[in-house]
Amino acid sequence: MTQGARPPRRATTIAEVARAAGVSRQTVSNTLNAPHRVHPDTLARVTAAIEELGYRPDQSARSLRTGERRIIGYLAPVDDPFDPNPLMAGFLEALVDAAGTEGHHVLLVRPAPGAERARAAIDELVAARQVDGLVLADVLPDDARVAHAARAGVPFAAFGRTGAQLPQHWADIDNGAAMADVVAHLAARGHRRIGFAASTADLPWLAARRAGFHAEARRLGLDVVRARSAPGEPAVAALRTLLRGSERPTAVAAESDLRALDVYEAIRAEGLAVGPDVAVTGFHDTPLCRHLHPALTSVRLPLRAIAGALVRRLLAQVRGEPVPAAGETLATELVVRASSA
């Protein structure tokens, strides 16, 4: 030991906390692991002793005793660090918070693209006993990750609906109903001719948004103005064609906030104003919505509620508790701003 250095501080034991609080060691253990079993007055006294003495549970001993590692593996979708998906970044933040509330950490894993790499990553995590279970995102109905986790008996929870023959351990939004709310909002503002700005991506949540848009437009008797674009034509050029002529739409709903940026550009390129001439809506309510001019109306996803539902479903499997047989659908919120007010 170097001269003047203090010896390392000895860790407080559970017995010392019990003595300070005037309770048994089991009561301290219950305070940490099953607080619902402890009388509120006793819980407050033990908690105060834990804080005063700086007690920290031995996580390795707890893992040996309960079998829990208190770590959740998150198989993150592939992303571009120079053009990150703001929605999934927000979901990761919500997931870390939800896991922390349950005393768990999140281990971020990003397999290389391909089903085989994803299956290998799951096998490695399980073989190394690194995690209690997995959270998956951007889940498809025939997702190889879900099928592999189910076959291997690995606890998992999915942001996105799993296939009919797979465990329904998922939480999601109703994309069709959310887009129907957008159409109803535009109709309530007096719009009778509306357009839809969509990509050609073949993803189930985007297909649900398209279906919801058209179904609600039909129900309300609205005219849907469709863009006619040549193969390979840029999105903005196709939208400019949509906006030309006397029958142009007075409102355009976009399948995402990023697609709404194309709509803004096309409107301005045609010498029109976003809002007064053509109302615009987005989907996801990413931070850019508040910074556009005018600010963009968009569908907000309940990311914290989704993350919380996934963590609860996952830990119920880990702990052998009842798990709902059906997935959980959470409500969205339409945040109305100047672009469609």
Foldseek 3Di string as FASTA:
>chain_A
DDPPDDDDDDADDLVVLCVQLVHDSVQLVCLVPPVVVDDPVSNVSSVVSCVVRVHDDDQVVVCVVQVANLEEEEADEDADPVDGDLLVVVLVVLLQVLSVVVVHGYDYDYFDDDLVRLLVVVVVCVVVSPHQAYEYELDAQDRSNQVSCQVVVGQYEYADAYHPVGFARYEYAQLLVLLLVVLVLLVVVPWQEEEEQEDPDDGVSLVSNVVSNVVSNVVVVGHYQYFDDDPPDDSLVSLLSQQDDPRRGQEYEYAAPVSQVSNCVNQVVNVHHQQPRYAYAHEQPGVVQVVDVVRHWYKHDPSNVRSNSRVVQRVCSSNVHDHDRHYHHDYIDTDDTRRHD
